[in-house]
PDB file of N, CA and C in Angstrom:
ATOM      1  N   MET A   1     -41.685 -38.198 -85.367  1.00  0.00           N
ATOM      2  CA  MET A   1     -41.673 -39.089 -85.264  1.00  0.00           C
ATOM      3  C   MET A   1     -42.997 -40.033 -85.601  1.00  0.00           C
ATOM      4  N   ALA A   2     -43.340 -40.452 -86.548  1.00  0.00           N
ATOM      5  CA  ALA A   2     -44.651 -41.270 -86.821  1.00  0.00           C
ATOM      6  C   ALA A   2     -44.780 -42.323 -86.193  1.00  0.00           C
ATOM      7  N   VAL A   3     -46.160 -42.815 -85.864  1.00  0.00           N
ATOM      8  CA  VAL A   3     -46.179 -43.882 -85.570  1.00  0.00           C
ATOM      9  C   VAL A   3     -46.941 -44.916 -86.627  1.00  0.00           C
ATOM     10  N   PRO A   4     -46.824 -46.061 -86.573  1.00  0.00           N
ATOM     11  CA  PRO A   4     -46.980 -46.750 -87.758  1.00  0.00           C
ATOM     12  C   PRO A   4     -48.780 -47.047 -87.255  1.00  0.00           C
ATOM     13  N   LYS A   5     -49.691 -47.296 -88.676  1.00  0.00           N
ATOM     14  CA  LYS A   5     -50.993 -47.756 -88.444  1.00  0.00           C
ATOM     15  C   LYS A   5     -51.680 -48.882 -87.919  1.00  0.00           C
ATOM     16  N   GLU A   6     -50.533 -49.841 -87.847  1.00  0.00           N
ATOM     17  CA  GLU A   6     -50.952 -51.025 -86.843  1.00  0.00           C
ATOM     18  C   GLU A   6     -50.796 -50.704 -85.421  1.00  0.00           C
ATOM     19  N   VAL A   7     -49.727 -49.462 -84.751  1.00  0.00           N
ATOM     20  CA  VAL A   7     -49.816 -49.471 -83.777  1.00  0.00           C
ATOM     21  C   VAL A   7     -50.904 -48.815 -83.140  1.00  0.00           C
ATOM     22  N   LYS A   8     -51.604 -47.628 -84.111  1.00  0.00           N
ATOM     23  CA  LYS A   8     -52.565 -46.728 -83.678  1.00  0.00           C
ATOM     24  C   LYS A   8     -53.856 -47.648 -83.143  1.00  0.00           C
ATOM     25  N   LYS A   9     -54.089 -48.868 -84.256  1.00  0.00           N
ATOM     26  CA  LYS A   9     -55.412 -49.565 -83.899  1.00  0.00           C
ATOM     27  C   LYS A   9     -55.287 -50.297 -82.929  1.00  0.00           C
ATOM     28  N   GLU A  10     -53.890 -50.758 -82.153  1.00  0.00           N
ATOM     29  CA  GLU A  10     -53.827 -51.335 -80.821  1.00  0.00           C
ATOM     30  C   GLU A  10     -54.145 -50.736 -79.511  1.00  0.00           C
ATOM     31  N   ILE A  11     -53.807 -49.254 -79.830  1.00  0.00           N
ATOM     32  CA  ILE A  11     -54.154 -48.122 -79.025  1.00  0.00           C
ATOM     33  C   ILE A  11     -55.572 -48.288 -78.296  1.00  0.00           C
ATOM     34  N   ARG A  12     -56.263 -48.363 -79.506  1.00  0.00           N
ATOM     35  CA  ARG A  12     -57.998 -47.969 -79.332  1.00  0.00           C
ATOM     36  C   ARG A  12     -58.450 -49.043 -78.137  1.00  0.00           C
ATOM     37  N   THR A  13     -59.285 -48.720 -77.474  1.00  0.00           N
ATOM     38  CA  THR A  13     -59.816 -49.598 -76.092  1.00  0.00           C
ATOM     39  C   THR A  13     -61.373 -49.329 -76.295  1.00  0.00           C
ATOM     40  N   GLU A  14     -61.744 -50.676 -75.731  1.00  0.00           N
ATOM     41  CA  GLU A  14     -63.105 -50.922 -76.036  1.00  0.00           C
ATOM     42  C   GLU A  14     -64.118 -49.975 -74.754  1.00  0.00           C
ATOM     43  N   LYS A  15     -64.847 -49.505 -74.868  1.00  0.00           N
ATOM     44  CA  LYS A  15     -65.590 -49.172 -73.804  1.00  0.00           C
ATOM     45  C   LYS A  15     -66.175 -49.912 -73.073  1.00  0.00           C
ATOM     46  N   PRO A  16     -65.745 -50.131 -71.603  1.00  0.00           N
ATOM     47  CA  PRO A  16     -66.531 -50.946 -70.958  1.00  0.00           C
ATOM     48  C   PRO A  16     -68.297 -50.825 -70.587  1.00  0.00           C
ATOM     49  N   LYS A  17     -68.499 -52.125 -70.522  1.00  0.00           N
ATOM     50  CA  LYS A  17     -70.259 -52.019 -70.583  1.00  0.00           C
ATOM     51  C   LYS A  17     -70.767 -51.512 -69.405  1.00  0.00           C
ATOM     52  N   MET A  18     -71.991 -50.919 -69.129  1.00  0.00           N
ATOM     53  CA  MET A  18     -72.647 -50.816 -68.016  1.00  0.00           C
ATOM     54  C   MET A  18     -72.989 -51.884 -67.138  1.00  0.00           C
ATOM     55  N   GLN A  19     -72.383 -51.875 -66.038  1.00  0.00           N
ATOM     56  CA  GLN A  19     -72.887 -52.942 -64.909  1.00  0.00           C
ATOM     57  C   GLN A  19     -73.724 -52.455 -63.768  1.00  0.00           C
ATOM     58  N   PHE A  20     -74.963 -53.359 -63.325  1.00  0.00           N
ATOM     59  CA  PHE A  20     -75.576 -52.595 -62.481  1.00  0.00           C
ATOM     60  C   PHE A  20     -74.712 -53.227 -61.006  1.00  0.00           C
ATOM     61  N   ALA A  21     -75.255 -52.331 -59.956  1.00  0.00           N
ATOM     62  CA  ALA A  21     -74.504 -52.984 -59.009  1.00  0.00           C
ATOM     63  C   ALA A  21     -74.930 -54.159 -57.959  1.00  0.00           C
ATOM     64  N   PHE A  22     -76.073 -54.473 -58.537  1.00  0.00           N
ATOM     65  CA  PHE A  22     -77.042 -55.970 -58.019  1.00  0.00           C
ATOM     66  C   PHE A  22     -77.017 -56.613 -59.040  1.00  0.00           C
ATOM     67  N   ASP A  23     -77.346 -57.979 -58.931  1.00  0.00           N
ATOM     68  CA  ASP A  23     -77.927 -58.887 -59.894  1.00  0.00           C
ATOM     69  C   ASP A  23     -79.212 -59.228 -59.684  1.00  0.00           C
ATOM     70  N   LYS A  24     -79.629 -60.140 -60.491  1.00  0.00           N
ATOM     71  CA  LYS A  24     -81.223 -60.356 -60.215  1.00  0.00           C
ATOM     72  C   LYS A  24     -81.535 -61.195 -58.961  1.00  0.00           C
ATOM     73  N   LYS A  25     -80.451 -62.182 -58.572  1.00  0.00           N
ATOM     74  CA  LYS A  25     -80.643 -62.906 -57.483  1.00  0.00           C
ATOM     75  C   LYS A  25     -80.583 -61.980 -56.380  1.00  0.00           C
ATOM     76  N   ASN A  26     -79.901 -60.514 -56.047  1.00  0.00           N
ATOM     77  CA  ASN A  26     -79.708 -59.554 -55.077  1.00  0.00           C
ATOM     78  C   ASN A  26     -81.358 -59.083 -55.163  1.00  0.00           C
ATOM     79  N   TYR A  27     -81.999 -58.355 -56.342  1.00  0.00           N
ATOM     80  CA  TYR A  27     -82.917 -57.985 -56.421  1.00  0.00           C
ATOM     81  C   TYR A  27     -83.925 -58.803 -55.733  1.00  0.00           C
ATOM     82  N   MET A  28     -84.280 -60.153 -56.222  1.00  0.00           N
ATOM     83  CA  MET A  28     -85.575 -61.039 -55.788  1.00  0.00           C
ATOM     84  C   MET A  28     -85.218 -61.118 -54.164  1.00  0.00           C
ATOM     85  N   ILE A  29     -83.838 -60.917 -53.277  1.00  0.00           N
ATOM     86  CA  ILE A  29     -84.173 -61.063 -52.153  1.00  0.00           C
ATOM     87  C   ILE A  29     -84.085 -59.816 -51.771  1.00  0.00           C
ATOM     88  N   LEU A  30     -84.095 -58.653 -52.337  1.00  0.00           N
ATOM     89  CA  LEU A  30     -84.217 -57.137 -51.800  1.00  0.00           C
ATOM     90  C   LEU A  30     -85.669 -57.183 -51.811  1.00  0.00           C
ATOM     91  N   ILE A  31     -86.593 -58.027 -53.052  1.00  0.00           N
ATOM     92  CA  ILE A  31     -87.967 -57.640 -52.929  1.00  0.00           C
ATOM     93  C   ILE A  31     -88.766 -58.266 -51.918  1.00  0.00           C
ATOM     94  N   GLY A  32     -88.209 -59.551 -51.789  1.00  0.00           N
ATOM     95  CA  GLY A  32     -89.008 -60.501 -50.603  1.00  0.00           C
ATOM     96  C   GLY A  32     -88.386 -59.908 -49.226  1.00  0.00           C
ATOM     97  N   GLY A  33     -87.477 -59.078 -48.744  1.00  0.00           N
ATOM     98  CA  GLY A  33     -87.224 -58.066 -47.568  1.00  0.00           C
ATOM     99  C   GLY A  33     -88.340 -57.143 -47.594  1.00  0.00           C
ATOM    100  N   ILE A  34     -88.228 -56.315 -48.642  1.00  0.00           N
ATOM    101  CA  ILE A  34     -89.212 -55.407 -48.819  1.00  0.00           C
ATOM    102  C   ILE A  34     -90.968 -56.004 -48.356  1.00  0.00           C
ATOM    103  N   ALA A  35     -91.257 -56.966 -48.870  1.00  0.00           N
ATOM    104  CA  ALA A  35     -92.291 -57.671 -48.671  1.00  0.00           C
ATOM    105  C   ALA A  35     -92.241 -58.010 -47.202  1.00  0.00           C
ATOM    106  N   LEU A  36     -91.504 -58.469 -46.449  1.00  0.00           N
ATOM    107  CA  LEU A  36     -91.892 -58.753 -45.337  1.00  0.00           C
ATOM    108  C   LEU A  36     -91.999 -57.493 -44.398  1.00  0.00           C
ATOM    109  N   LEU A  37     -91.102 -56.584 -44.704  1.00  0.00           N
ATOM    110  CA  LEU A  37     -91.628 -55.277 -44.058  1.00  0.00           C
ATOM    111  C   LEU A  37     -92.853 -54.687 -43.985  1.00  0.00           C
ATOM    112  N   ILE A  38     -93.342 -54.701 -45.212  1.00  0.00           N
ATOM    113  CA  ILE A  38     -94.685 -54.361 -45.582  1.00  0.00           C
ATOM    114  C   ILE A  38     -95.605 -55.172 -44.842  1.00  0.00           C
ATOM    115  N   LEU A  39     -95.390 -56.351 -44.759  1.00  0.00           N
ATOM    116  CA  LEU A  39     -96.158 -57.304 -43.720  1.00  0.00           C
ATOM    117  C   LEU A  39     -96.192 -57.131 -41.989  1.00  0.00           C
ATOM    118  N   GLY A  40     -95.148 -56.795 -41.819  1.00  0.00           N
ATOM    119  CA  GLY A  40     -94.928 -56.600 -40.767  1.00  0.00           C
ATOM    120  C   GLY A  40     -95.583 -55.258 -40.029  1.00  0.00           C
ATOM    121  N   PHE A  41     -95.345 -53.979 -40.917  1.00  0.00           N
ATOM    122  CA  PHE A  41     -95.590 -52.862 -40.584  1.00  0.00           C
ATOM    123  C   PHE A  41     -97.420 -53.046 -40.695  1.00  0.00           C
ATOM    124  N   ILE A  42     -98.284 -53.691 -41.756  1.00  0.00           N
ATOM    125  CA  ILE A  42     -99.540 -54.162 -41.554  1.00  0.00           C
ATOM    126  C   ILE A  42     -99.701 -54.687 -40.492  1.00  0.00           C
ATOM    127  N   LEU A  43     -99.081 -55.934 -40.043  1.00  0.00           N
ATOM    128  CA  LEU A  43     -99.408 -56.680 -38.632  1.00  0.00           C
ATOM    129  C   LEU A  43     -99.440 -55.709 -37.395  1.00  0.00           C
ATOM    130  N   LEU A  44     -98.552 -54.725 -37.271  1.00  0.00           N
ATOM    131  CA  LEU A  44     -98.033 -53.504 -36.495  1.00  0.00           C
ATOM    132  C   LEU A  44     -99.401 -52.913 -36.184  1.00  0.00           C
ATOM    133  N   SER A  45     -99.733 -52.289 -37.387  1.00  0.00           N
ATOM    134  CA  SER A  45    -100.754 -51.141 -37.319  1.00  0.00           C
ATOM    135  C   SER A  45    -102.171 -51.760 -36.358  1.00  0.00           C
ATOM    136  N   GLY A  46    -103.163 -50.351 -36.268  1.00  0.00           N
ATOM    137  CA  GLY A  46    -104.461 -50.683 -35.693  1.00  0.00           C
ATOM    138  C   GLY A  46    -104.301 -50.757 -34.148  1.00  0.00           C
ATOM    139  N   GLY A  47    -105.609 -51.437 -33.562  1.00  0.00           N
ATOM    140  CA  GLY A  47    -105.572 -51.683 -32.371  1.00  0.00           C
ATOM    141  C   GLY A  47    -105.727 -50.207 -31.291  1.00  0.00           C
ATOM    142  N   GLY A  48    -106.312 -48.812 -32.230  1.00  0.00           N
ATOM    143  CA  GLY A  48    -107.054 -48.196 -31.570  1.00  0.00           C
ATOM    144  C   GLY A  48    -108.465 -48.084 -31.149  1.00  0.00           C
ATOM    145  N   SER A  49    -109.022 -46.924 -30.375  1.00  0.00           N
ATOM    146  CA  SER A  49    -110.242 -47.283 -29.852  1.00  0.00           C
ATOM    147  C   SER A  49    -110.932 -46.377 -30.467  1.00  0.00           C
ATOM    148  N   LYS A  50    -112.273 -46.112 -31.007  1.00  0.00           N
ATOM    149  CA  LYS A  50    -113.084 -45.332 -31.608  1.00  0.00           C
ATOM    150  C   LYS A  50    -113.110 -44.057 -30.488  1.00  0.00           C
ATOM    151  N   ASP A  51    -113.365 -44.198 -29.355  1.00  0.00           N
ATOM    152  CA  ASP A  51    -113.591 -42.971 -28.580  1.00  0.00           C
ATOM    153  C   ASP A  51    -112.064 -42.882 -27.809  1.00  0.00           C
ATOM    154  N   PRO A  52    -111.528 -41.579 -27.899  1.00  0.00           N
ATOM    155  CA  PRO A  52    -110.259 -41.540 -27.141  1.00  0.00           C
ATOM    156  C   PRO A  52    -110.529 -41.545 -25.593  1.00  0.00           C
ATOM    157  N   ASN A  53    -111.559 -41.133 -24.920  1.00  0.00           N
ATOM    158  CA  ASN A  53    -111.351 -41.475 -23.450  1.00  0.00           C
ATOM    159  C   ASN A  53    -111.579 -42.953 -23.305  1.00  0.00           C
ATOM    160  N   GLU A  54    -111.767 -43.764 -24.017  1.00  0.00           N
ATOM    161  CA  GLU A  54    -111.406 -45.339 -23.624  1.00  0.00           C
ATOM    162  C   GLU A  54    -110.157 -45.597 -23.922  1.00  0.00           C
ATOM    163  N   PHE A  55    -109.892 -46.867 -23.131  1.00  0.00           N
ATOM    164  CA  PHE A  55    -108.561 -47.509 -23.303  1.00  0.00           C
ATOM    165  C   PHE A  55    -108.748 -48.737 -24.198  1.00  0.00           C
ATOM    166  N   SER A  56    -107.969 -49.350 -25.077  1.00  0.00           N
ATOM    167  CA  SER A  56    -108.284 -50.420 -25.734  1.00  0.00           C
ATOM    168  C   SER A  56    -107.372 -51.485 -25.105  1.00  0.00           C
ATOM    169  N   ASP A  57    -107.279 -52.671 -24.692  1.00  0.00           N
ATOM    170  CA  ASP A  57    -106.804 -53.759 -24.692  1.00  0.00           C
ATOM    171  C   ASP A  57    -106.014 -54.218 -25.932  1.00  0.00           C
ATOM    172  N   GLU A  58    -106.576 -54.156 -26.890  1.00  0.00           N
ATOM    173  CA  GLU A  58    -106.057 -54.825 -28.405  1.00  0.00           C
ATOM    174  C   GLU A  58    -104.960 -54.169 -28.820  1.00  0.00           C
ATOM    175  N   LEU A  59    -104.314 -53.034 -28.120  1.00  0.00           N
ATOM    176  CA  LEU A  59    -103.018 -52.385 -28.318  1.00  0.00           C
ATOM    177  C   LEU A  59    -101.934 -53.586 -28.113  1.00  0.00           C
ATOM    178  N   PHE A  60    -102.322 -54.180 -27.053  1.00  0.00           N
ATOM    179  CA  PHE A  60    -100.924 -55.279 -26.558  1.00  0.00           C
ATOM    180  C   PHE A  60    -101.502 -56.391 -26.971  1.00  0.00           C
ATOM    181  N   SER A  61    -101.816 -56.761 -27.979  1.00  0.00           N
ATOM    182  CA  SER A  61    -102.011 -58.173 -28.576  1.00  0.00           C
ATOM    183  C   SER A  61    -101.027 -58.570 -28.785  1.00  0.00           C
ATOM    184  N   LYS A  62    -100.833 -60.059 -28.977  1.00  0.00           N
ATOM    185  CA  LYS A  62     -99.719 -60.931 -29.101  1.00  0.00           C
ATOM    186  C   LYS A  62     -99.307 -60.571 -30.962  1.00  0.00           C
ATOM    187  N   ARG A  63    -100.019 -60.329 -31.475  1.00  0.00           N
ATOM    188  CA  ARG A  63     -99.784 -59.914 -33.193  1.00  0.00           C
ATOM    189  C   ARG A  63     -98.959 -58.615 -32.944  1.00  0.00           C
ATOM    190  N   ARG A  64     -99.177 -57.614 -32.225  1.00  0.00           N
ATOM    191  CA  ARG A  64     -98.451 -56.496 -32.319  1.00  0.00           C
ATOM    192  C   ARG A  64     -97.285 -56.553 -31.585  1.00  0.00           C
ATOM    193  N   MET A  65     -97.030 -57.254 -30.144  1.00  0.00           N
ATOM    194  CA  MET A  65     -96.267 -57.137 -29.306  1.00  0.00           C
ATOM    195  C   MET A  65     -95.276 -58.167 -29.607  1.00  0.00           C
ATOM    196  N   VAL A  66     -95.589 -59.313 -30.379  1.00  0.00           N
ATOM    197  CA  VAL A  66     -94.400 -60.127 -30.628  1.00  0.00           C
ATOM    198  C   VAL A  66     -94.335 -60.516 -32.137  1.00  0.00           C
ATOM    199  N   ILE A  67     -95.112 -60.774 -32.808  1.00  0.00           N
ATOM    200  CA  ILE A  67     -95.323 -61.515 -34.119  1.00  0.00           C
ATOM    201  C   ILE A  67     -94.563 -60.383 -35.393  1.00  0.00           C
ATOM    202  N   ALA A  68     -95.240 -58.911 -35.257  1.00  0.00           N
ATOM    203  CA  ALA A  68     -94.878 -57.875 -36.197  1.00  0.00           C
ATOM    204  C   ALA A  68     -93.330 -57.578 -35.664  1.00  0.00           C
ATOM    205  N   PRO A  69     -92.955 -57.598 -34.643  1.00  0.00           N
ATOM    206  CA  PRO A  69     -91.607 -57.030 -34.546  1.00  0.00           C
ATOM    207  C   PRO A  69     -90.723 -58.090 -34.902  1.00  0.00           C
ATOM    208  N   ILE A  70     -90.976 -59.440 -35.077  1.00  0.00           N
ATOM    209  CA  ILE A  70     -90.394 -60.574 -35.477  1.00  0.00           C
ATOM    210  C   ILE A  70     -89.966 -60.280 -36.866  1.00  0.00           C
ATOM    211  N   ILE A  71     -91.069 -60.226 -37.630  1.00  0.00           N
ATOM    212  CA  ILE A  71     -91.383 -60.279 -39.051  1.00  0.00           C
ATOM    213  C   ILE A  71     -90.349 -59.207 -39.511  1.00  0.00           C
ATOM    214  N   LEU A  72     -90.353 -57.756 -38.849  1.00  0.00           N
ATOM    215  CA  LEU A  72     -89.786 -56.771 -39.255  1.00  0.00           C
ATOM    216  C   LEU A  72     -88.376 -56.806 -39.008  1.00  0.00           C
ATOM    217  N   MET A  73     -87.999 -57.596 -37.804  1.00  0.00           N
ATOM    218  CA  MET A  73     -86.361 -57.949 -37.732  1.00  0.00           C
ATOM    219  C   MET A  73     -85.963 -58.761 -39.060  1.00  0.00           C
ATOM    220  N   LEU A  74     -86.789 -59.585 -39.064  1.00  0.00           N
ATOM    221  CA  LEU A  74     -86.379 -60.620 -40.420  1.00  0.00           C
ATOM    222  C   LEU A  74     -86.329 -59.833 -41.886  1.00  0.00           C
ATOM    223  N   GLY A  75     -87.155 -59.219 -42.008  1.00  0.00           N
ATOM    224  CA  GLY A  75     -87.346 -58.194 -43.158  1.00  0.00           C
ATOM    225  C   GLY A  75     -86.052 -57.136 -43.199  1.00  0.00           C
ATOM    226  N   TYR A  76     -85.496 -56.529 -42.219  1.00  0.00           N
ATOM    227  CA  TYR A  76     -84.311 -55.662 -42.334  1.00  0.00           C
ATOM    228  C   TYR A  76     -83.068 -56.402 -42.101  1.00  0.00           C
ATOM    229  N   ILE A  77     -83.237 -57.962 -41.768  1.00  0.00           N
ATOM    230  CA  ILE A  77     -81.770 -58.839 -42.040  1.00  0.00           C
ATOM    231  C   ILE A  77     -82.198 -58.901 -43.315  1.00  0.00           C
ATOM    232  N   THR A  78     -83.219 -59.623 -44.198  1.00  0.00           N
ATOM    233  CA  THR A  78     -83.343 -59.829 -45.283  1.00  0.00           C
ATOM    234  C   THR A  78     -82.777 -58.646 -46.369  1.00  0.00           C
ATOM    235  N   VAL A  79     -82.987 -57.384 -46.338  1.00  0.00           N
ATOM    236  CA  VAL A  79     -82.368 -56.639 -47.101  1.00  0.00           C
ATOM    237  C   VAL A  79     -81.061 -56.222 -46.680  1.00  0.00           C
ATOM    238  N   ALA A  80     -80.654 -56.291 -45.759  1.00  0.00           N
ATOM    239  CA  ALA A  80     -79.016 -56.236 -45.530  1.00  0.00           C
ATOM    240  C   ALA A  80     -78.403 -57.387 -46.429  1.00  0.00           C
ATOM    241  N   VAL A  81     -79.028 -58.229 -46.230  1.00  0.00           N
ATOM    242  CA  VAL A  81     -78.161 -59.552 -47.020  1.00  0.00           C
ATOM    243  C   VAL A  81     -78.148 -59.570 -48.253  1.00  0.00           C
ATOM    244  N   ALA A  82     -79.393 -58.688 -48.978  1.00  0.00           N
ATOM    245  CA  ALA A  82     -79.402 -58.397 -50.366  1.00  0.00           C
ATOM    246  C   ALA A  82     -78.522 -57.830 -50.523  1.00  0.00           C
ATOM    247  N   ILE A  83     -78.384 -56.545 -49.825  1.00  0.00           N
ATOM    248  CA  ILE A  83     -77.690 -55.613 -50.380  1.00  0.00           C
ATOM    249  C   ILE A  83     -75.556 -56.298 -50.102  1.00  0.00           C
ATOM    250  N   MET A  84     -75.776 -56.906 -49.254  1.00  0.00           N
ATOM    251  CA  MET A  84     -74.290 -57.207 -48.703  1.00  0.00           C
ATOM    252  C   MET A  84     -73.623 -58.532 -49.487  1.00  0.00           C
ATOM    253  N   THR A  85     -74.682 -59.366 -50.450  1.00  0.00           N
ATOM    254  CA  THR A  85     -74.147 -60.463 -51.334  1.00  0.00           C
ATOM    255  C   THR A  85     -73.499 -59.790 -52.466  1.00  0.00           C
ATOM    256  N   LYS A  86     -72.385 -60.502 -52.632  1.00  0.00           N
ATOM    257  CA  LYS A  86     -71.528 -60.412 -53.524  1.00  0.00           C
ATOM    258  C   LYS A  86     -72.096 -61.022 -55.140  1.00  0.00           C
ATOM    259  N   ARG A  87     -71.955 -60.491 -56.099  1.00  0.00           N
ATOM    260  CA  ARG A  87     -72.192 -61.118 -57.412  1.00  0.00           C
ATOM    261  C   ARG A  87     -71.300 -62.212 -57.578  1.00  0.00           C
ATOM    262  N   ASP A  88     -71.898 -63.342 -58.163  1.00  0.00           N
ATOM    263  CA  ASP A  88     -71.073 -64.720 -58.718  1.00  0.00           C
ATOM    264  C   ASP A  88     -69.859 -63.992 -59.866  1.00  0.00           C
ATOM    265  N   GLU A  89     -68.533 -64.333 -59.936  1.00  0.00           N
ATOM    266  CA  GLU A  89     -67.702 -63.966 -60.982  1.00  0.00           C
ATOM    267  C   GLU A  89     -68.220 -64.467 -62.420  1.00  0.00           C
ATOM    268  N   HIS A  90     -68.703 -65.529 -62.407  1.00  0.00           N
ATOM    269  CA  HIS A  90     -69.214 -66.283 -63.727  1.00  0.00           C
ATOM    270  C   HIS A  90     -70.316 -65.736 -63.990  1.00  0.00           C
ATOM    271  N   THR A  91     -71.052 -65.143 -63.101  1.00  0.00           N
ATOM    272  CA  THR A  91     -72.233 -64.697 -63.676  1.00  0.00           C
ATOM    273  C   THR A  91     -71.905 -63.282 -64.234  1.00  0.00           C
ATOM    274  N   ALA A  92     -70.905 -62.236 -63.600  1.00  0.00           N
ATOM    275  CA  ALA A  92     -70.604 -61.021 -63.999  1.00  0.00           C
ATOM    276  C   ALA A  92     -69.912 -61.340 -65.367  1.00  0.00           C
ATOM    277  N   SER A  93     -69.370 -61.967 -65.759  1.00  0.00           N
ATOM    278  CA  SER A  93     -68.706 -62.364 -66.860  1.00  0.00           C
ATOM    279  C   SER A  93     -69.387 -62.920 -68.150  1.00  0.00           C
ATOM    280  N   ASP A  94     -70.518 -63.298 -67.397  1.00  0.00           N
ATOM    281  CA  ASP A  94     -71.688 -63.751 -68.475  1.00  0.00           C
ATOM    282  C   ASP A  94     -72.183 -62.672 -69.111  1.00  0.00           C
ATOM    283  N   ASP A  95     -72.681 -61.644 -68.019  1.00  0.00           N
ATOM    284  CA  ASP A  95     -73.420 -60.552 -68.329  1.00  0.00           C
ATOM    285  C   ASP A  95     -72.595 -59.624 -69.414  1.00  0.00           C
ATOM    286  N   ASN A  96     -71.338 -59.753 -69.465  1.00  0.00           N
ATOM    287  CA  ASN A  96     -70.348 -58.908 -70.020  1.00  0.00           C
ATOM    288  C   ASN A  96     -70.426 -59.277 -71.419  1.00  0.00           C
ATOM    289  N   GLN A  97     -70.196 -60.696 -71.565  1.00  0.00           N
ATOM    290  CA  GLN A  97     -70.373 -61.111 -73.085  1.00  0.00           C
ATOM    291  C   GLN A  97     -71.661 -60.757 -73.945  1.00  0.00           C
ATOM    292  N   GLU A  98     -72.767 -60.421 -73.127  1.00  0.00           N
ATOM    293  CA  GLU A  98     -73.963 -60.577 -73.664  1.00  0.00           C
ATOM    294  C   GLU A  98     -74.094 -59.109 -74.645  1.00  0.00           C
TER     295      GLU A  98
END
């Protein structure tokens, strides 16, 4: 049994366009979260003394005990939000048309 040419043309399907998992918005939030993490770890560093036999109270400064952990937690939360944010449906359809 032969299939007409018109039917053969209809059977062809278009290849789906490649889509990224993240949108531009997700990447911007992710970059912001990573920047917060880097800032938090920079604030957390230091505080040691040059002589290993001496103890430095600078280790327990407000910057290392309060500010840096808060900034680190904000960074981790921001990265989690960037990963879990869904793409907008109208944005996803606009990307397919281009």
